[in-house]
Amino acid sequence: MTDLKDHFDYDYWANKRLFDLTKSTSEAPEKASVLASHILNAQRIWISRVNEEDSPLEVWENIPSVKWGHWLDRNREDMAAILNQKQGNLVVQYRNSEGKTFRSSQSDILQHMLLHGAYHRGQIAQLIRPMTEVPYTDFIFYTREQME
């Protein structure tokens, strides 16, 4: 059975595959880049909330594609540190992008991060599929690759 660390490793793998393809597809619609940035921004925002810090990124801030790798790696490192703390029952109080205050369990936040990224990766794949062959980013393909 996999744990959250495995799921975040998969999330990194899937994001990297799709982001690299988006960068290399010259005809990719701008919306694909907007969504890639949004995935990275949202991850950083949630990581910052869990760590009780201000996020350096805004929800829909444009991140140039040359910086995607930096944010992918930084988010991965910081998620590993959060996961090593094993505080899934911890309740996090935070303000959303509209300034409203909420409380959520850390485990719900982490699950949301995974599902949010998968949702937007699907949108990116749909946008670039007319221009190029899109690699599989399903979890089972990741696990098969890890077993090789």
C-alpha atoms as a PDB file:
ATOM      1  CA  MET A   1       0.000   0.000   0.000  1.00  0.00           C
ATOM      2  CA  THR A   2       1.305   3.435  -0.848  1.00  0.00           C
ATOM      3  CA  ASP A   3       1.534   6.359   1.531  1.00  0.00           C
ATOM      4  CA  LEU A   4       1.277  10.113   1.012  1.00  0.00           C
ATOM      5  CA  LYS A   5       4.988  10.412   0.243  1.00  0.00           C
ATOM      6  CA  ASP A   6       4.512   7.996  -2.670  1.00  0.00           C
ATOM      7  CA  HIS A   7       1.557  10.013  -3.896  1.00  0.00           C
ATOM      8  CA  PHE A   8       3.529  13.262  -3.796  1.00  0.00           C
ATOM      9  CA  ASP A   9       6.430  11.574  -5.601  1.00  0.00           C
ATOM     10  CA  TYR A  10       3.923  10.550  -8.255  1.00  0.00           C
ATOM     11  CA  ASP A  11       2.494  14.082  -8.354  1.00  0.00           C
ATOM     12  CA  TYR A  12       5.991  15.469  -8.999  1.00  0.00           C
ATOM     13  CA  TRP A  13       6.610  12.859 -11.727  1.00  0.00           C
ATOM     14  CA  ALA A  14       3.306  13.585 -13.474  1.00  0.00           C
ATOM     15  CA  ASN A  15       3.733  17.354 -13.274  1.00  0.00           C
ATOM     16  CA  LYS A  16       7.293  17.165 -14.596  1.00  0.00           C
ATOM     17  CA  ARG A  17       6.274  14.991 -17.559  1.00  0.00           C
ATOM     18  CA  LEU A  18       3.419  17.236 -18.559  1.00  0.00           C
ATOM     19  CA  PHE A  19       5.222  20.528 -17.883  1.00  0.00           C
ATOM     20  CA  ASP A  20       8.264  19.434 -19.905  1.00  0.00           C
ATOM     21  CA  LEU A  21       6.000  18.493 -22.800  1.00  0.00           C
ATOM     22  CA  THR A  22       4.120  21.795 -22.566  1.00  0.00           C
ATOM     23  CA  LYS A  23       7.400  23.740 -22.663  1.00  0.00           C
ATOM     24  CA  SER A  24       8.597  21.820 -25.698  1.00  0.00           C
ATOM     25  CA  THR A  25       5.345  22.167 -27.653  1.00  0.00           C
ATOM     26  CA  SER A  26       5.687  25.458 -29.501  1.00  0.00           C
ATOM     27  CA  GLU A  27       2.000  25.591 -30.440  1.00  0.00           C
ATOM     28  CA  ALA A  28       0.757  24.908 -26.904  1.00  0.00           C
ATOM     29  CA  PRO A  29      -2.082  27.269 -25.986  1.00  0.00           C
ATOM     30  CA  GLU A  30      -1.268  29.951 -23.421  1.00  0.00           C
ATOM     31  CA  LYS A  31      -3.949  28.447 -21.163  1.00  0.00           C
ATOM     32  CA  ALA A  32      -1.753  25.338 -20.720  1.00  0.00           C
ATOM     33  CA  SER A  33       1.046  27.518 -19.319  1.00  0.00           C
ATOM     34  CA  VAL A  34      -1.428  29.401 -17.148  1.00  0.00           C
ATOM     35  CA  LEU A  35      -2.635  26.109 -15.658  1.00  0.00           C
ATOM     36  CA  ALA A  36       0.916  24.809 -15.108  1.00  0.00           C
ATOM     37  CA  SER A  37       1.727  28.010 -13.222  1.00  0.00           C
ATOM     38  CA  HIS A  38      -1.487  27.680 -11.252  1.00  0.00           C
ATOM     39  CA  ILE A  39      -0.620  24.136 -10.132  1.00  0.00           C
ATOM     40  CA  LEU A  40       2.767  25.326  -8.881  1.00  0.00           C
ATOM     41  CA  ASN A  41       1.294  28.437  -7.262  1.00  0.00           C
ATOM     42  CA  ALA A  42      -1.416  26.478  -5.467  1.00  0.00           C
ATOM     43  CA  GLN A  43       1.113  23.959  -4.153  1.00  0.00           C
ATOM     44  CA  ARG A  44       3.303  26.772  -2.842  1.00  0.00           C
ATOM     45  CA  ILE A  45       0.340  28.537  -1.255  1.00  0.00           C
ATOM     46  CA  TRP A  46      -0.794  25.388   0.568  1.00  0.00           C
ATOM     47  CA  ILE A  47       2.757  24.566   1.670  1.00  0.00           C
ATOM     48  CA  SER A  48       3.060  28.102   3.023  1.00  0.00           C
ATOM     49  CA  ARG A  49      -0.234  27.797   4.873  1.00  0.00           C
ATOM     50  CA  VAL A  50       0.788  24.520   6.501  1.00  0.00           C
ATOM     51  CA  ASN A  51       4.104  26.116   7.501  1.00  0.00           C
ATOM     52  CA  GLU A  52       2.307  29.256   8.745  1.00  0.00           C
ATOM     53  CA  GLU A  53       4.224  31.454   6.301  1.00  0.00           C
ATOM     54  CA  ASP A  54       3.262  33.982   3.656  1.00  0.00           C
ATOM     55  CA  SER A  55       3.376  32.571   0.147  1.00  0.00           C
ATOM     56  CA  PRO A  56       5.756  34.228  -2.317  1.00  0.00           C
ATOM     57  CA  LEU A  57       3.285  33.373  -5.113  1.00  0.00           C
ATOM     58  CA  GLU A  58      -0.288  34.370  -5.919  1.00  0.00           C
ATOM     59  CA  VAL A  59      -2.991  31.935  -7.077  1.00  0.00           C
ATOM     60  CA  TRP A  60      -2.958  32.926 -10.774  1.00  0.00           C
ATOM     61  CA  GLU A  61       0.515  34.473 -10.970  1.00  0.00           C
ATOM     62  CA  ASN A  62       2.345  33.703 -14.212  1.00  0.00           C
ATOM     63  CA  ILE A  63       5.523  31.720 -13.681  1.00  0.00           C
ATOM     64  CA  PRO A  64       7.763  31.739 -16.781  1.00  0.00           C
ATOM     65  CA  SER A  65       8.277  28.173 -18.012  1.00  0.00           C
ATOM     66  CA  VAL A  66      12.043  28.474 -17.409  1.00  0.00           C
ATOM     67  CA  LYS A  67      11.212  28.690 -13.651  1.00  0.00           C
ATOM     68  CA  TRP A  68       8.822  25.711 -13.537  1.00  0.00           C
ATOM     69  CA  GLY A  69      11.634  23.300 -12.678  1.00  0.00           C
ATOM     70  CA  HIS A  70      12.743  25.500  -9.790  1.00  0.00           C
ATOM     71  CA  TRP A  71       9.249  25.569  -8.271  1.00  0.00           C
ATOM     72  CA  LEU A  72       8.647  21.875  -8.937  1.00  0.00           C
ATOM     73  CA  ASP A  73      11.822  21.012  -7.029  1.00  0.00           C
ATOM     74  CA  ARG A  74      11.274  23.524  -4.235  1.00  0.00           C
ATOM     75  CA  ASN A  75       7.692  22.386  -3.682  1.00  0.00           C
ATOM     76  CA  ARG A  76       8.845  18.758  -3.660  1.00  0.00           C
ATOM     77  CA  GLU A  77      11.545  19.431  -1.058  1.00  0.00           C
ATOM     78  CA  ASP A  78       9.205  21.383   1.185  1.00  0.00           C
ATOM     79  CA  MET A  79       6.473  18.752   0.876  1.00  0.00           C
ATOM     80  CA  ALA A  80       8.985  16.083   1.914  1.00  0.00           C
ATOM     81  CA  ALA A  81       9.745  18.085   5.061  1.00  0.00           C
ATOM     82  CA  ILE A  82       6.017  18.393   5.853  1.00  0.00           C
ATOM     83  CA  LEU A  83       5.454  14.684   5.283  1.00  0.00           C
ATOM     84  CA  ASN A  84       8.402  13.784   7.520  1.00  0.00           C
ATOM     85  CA  GLN A  85       6.695  15.619  10.398  1.00  0.00           C
ATOM     86  CA  LYS A  86       3.701  13.226  10.203  1.00  0.00           C
ATOM     87  CA  GLN A  87       1.172  15.655  11.651  1.00  0.00           C
ATOM     88  CA  GLY A  88      -1.863  14.580   9.620  1.00  0.00           C
ATOM     89  CA  ASN A  89      -4.281  15.384  12.461  1.00  0.00           C
ATOM     90  CA  LEU A  90      -2.897  18.883  12.845  1.00  0.00           C
ATOM     91  CA  VAL A  91      -5.498  21.581  12.185  1.00  0.00           C
ATOM     92  CA  VAL A  92      -4.263  24.479  10.088  1.00  0.00           C
ATOM     93  CA  GLN A  93      -5.884  27.897  10.262  1.00  0.00           C
ATOM     94  CA  TYR A  94      -5.376  30.029   7.167  1.00  0.00           C
ATOM     95  CA  ARG A  95      -6.837  32.784   5.023  1.00  0.00           C
ATOM     96  CA  ASN A  96      -7.910  32.016   1.487  1.00  0.00           C
ATOM     97  CA  SER A  97      -7.168  34.274  -1.482  1.00  0.00           C
ATOM     98  CA  GLU A  98     -10.289  36.318  -0.646  1.00  0.00           C
ATOM     99  CA  GLY A  99      -9.130  36.882   2.940  1.00  0.00           C
ATOM    100  CA  LYS A 100     -11.664  34.551   4.577  1.00  0.00           C
ATOM    101  CA  THR A 101     -10.391  32.484   7.517  1.00  0.00           C
ATOM    102  CA  PHE A 102     -10.765  28.703   7.488  1.00  0.00           C
ATOM    103  CA  ARG A 103      -9.520  25.720   9.444  1.00  0.00           C
ATOM    104  CA  SER A 104      -8.692  22.399   7.777  1.00  0.00           C
ATOM    105  CA  SER A 105      -6.827  19.304   8.835  1.00  0.00           C
ATOM    106  CA  GLN A 106      -3.380  18.958   7.356  1.00  0.00           C
ATOM    107  CA  SER A 107      -4.371  15.586   5.909  1.00  0.00           C
ATOM    108  CA  ASP A 108      -7.344  17.165   4.089  1.00  0.00           C
ATOM    109  CA  ILE A 109      -5.080  19.909   2.730  1.00  0.00           C
ATOM    110  CA  LEU A 110      -2.563  17.372   1.426  1.00  0.00           C
ATOM    111  CA  GLN A 111      -5.300  15.285  -0.206  1.00  0.00           C
ATOM    112  CA  HIS A 112      -6.713  18.439  -1.796  1.00  0.00           C
ATOM    113  CA  MET A 113      -3.299  19.334  -3.210  1.00  0.00           C
ATOM    114  CA  LEU A 114      -3.024  15.961  -4.939  1.00  0.00           C
ATOM    115  CA  LEU A 115      -6.528  16.051  -6.390  1.00  0.00           C
ATOM    116  CA  HIS A 116      -6.242  19.696  -7.460  1.00  0.00           C
ATOM    117  CA  GLY A 117      -3.055  18.985  -9.420  1.00  0.00           C
ATOM    118  CA  ALA A 118      -4.566  15.935 -11.117  1.00  0.00           C
ATOM    119  CA  TYR A 119      -7.612  17.937 -12.175  1.00  0.00           C
ATOM    120  CA  HIS A 120      -5.552  20.669 -13.809  1.00  0.00           C
ATOM    121  CA  ARG A 121      -3.112  18.200 -15.407  1.00  0.00           C
ATOM    122  CA  GLY A 122      -6.136  16.725 -17.168  1.00  0.00           C
ATOM    123  CA  GLN A 123      -7.026  20.164 -18.481  1.00  0.00           C
ATOM    124  CA  ILE A 124      -3.467  20.724 -19.731  1.00  0.00           C
ATOM    125  CA  ALA A 125      -3.412  17.332 -21.448  1.00  0.00           C
ATOM    126  CA  GLN A 126      -6.680  18.124 -23.194  1.00  0.00           C
ATOM    127  CA  LEU A 127      -5.334  21.473 -24.385  1.00  0.00           C
ATOM    128  CA  ILE A 128      -2.096  20.138 -25.881  1.00  0.00           C
ATOM    129  CA  ARG A 129      -3.376  16.788 -27.190  1.00  0.00           C
ATOM    130  CA  PRO A 130      -4.283  18.300 -30.612  1.00  0.00           C
ATOM    131  CA  MET A 131      -0.640  19.404 -31.069  1.00  0.00           C
ATOM    132  CA  THR A 132       1.318  16.413 -29.810  1.00  0.00           C
ATOM    133  CA  GLU A 133       1.130  12.965 -28.288  1.00  0.00           C
ATOM    134  CA  VAL A 134       0.570  13.323 -24.558  1.00  0.00           C
ATOM    135  CA  PRO A 135       2.328  10.825 -22.275  1.00  0.00           C
ATOM    136  CA  TYR A 136       0.343   8.876 -19.748  1.00  0.00           C
ATOM    137  CA  THR A 137       0.417  10.473 -16.334  1.00  0.00           C
ATOM    138  CA  ASP A 138      -1.855   7.966 -14.574  1.00  0.00           C
ATOM    139  CA  PHE A 139      -0.673   6.711 -11.196  1.00  0.00           C
ATOM    140  CA  ILE A 140      -0.458   3.081 -12.371  1.00  0.00           C
ATOM    141  CA  PHE A 141       2.003   4.059 -15.127  1.00  0.00           C
ATOM    142  CA  TYR A 142       4.150   5.759 -12.494  1.00  0.00           C
ATOM    143  CA  THR A 143       4.134   2.643 -10.291  1.00  0.00           C
ATOM    144  CA  ARG A 144       5.020   0.406 -13.229  1.00  0.00           C
ATOM    145  CA  GLU A 145       7.954   2.668 -14.086  1.00  0.00           C
ATOM    146  CA  GLN A 146       9.166   2.520 -10.489  1.00  0.00           C
ATOM    147  CA  MET A 147       9.188  -1.286 -10.606  1.00  0.00           C
ATOM    148  CA  GLU A 148      11.449  -1.426 -13.688  1.00  0.00           C
END
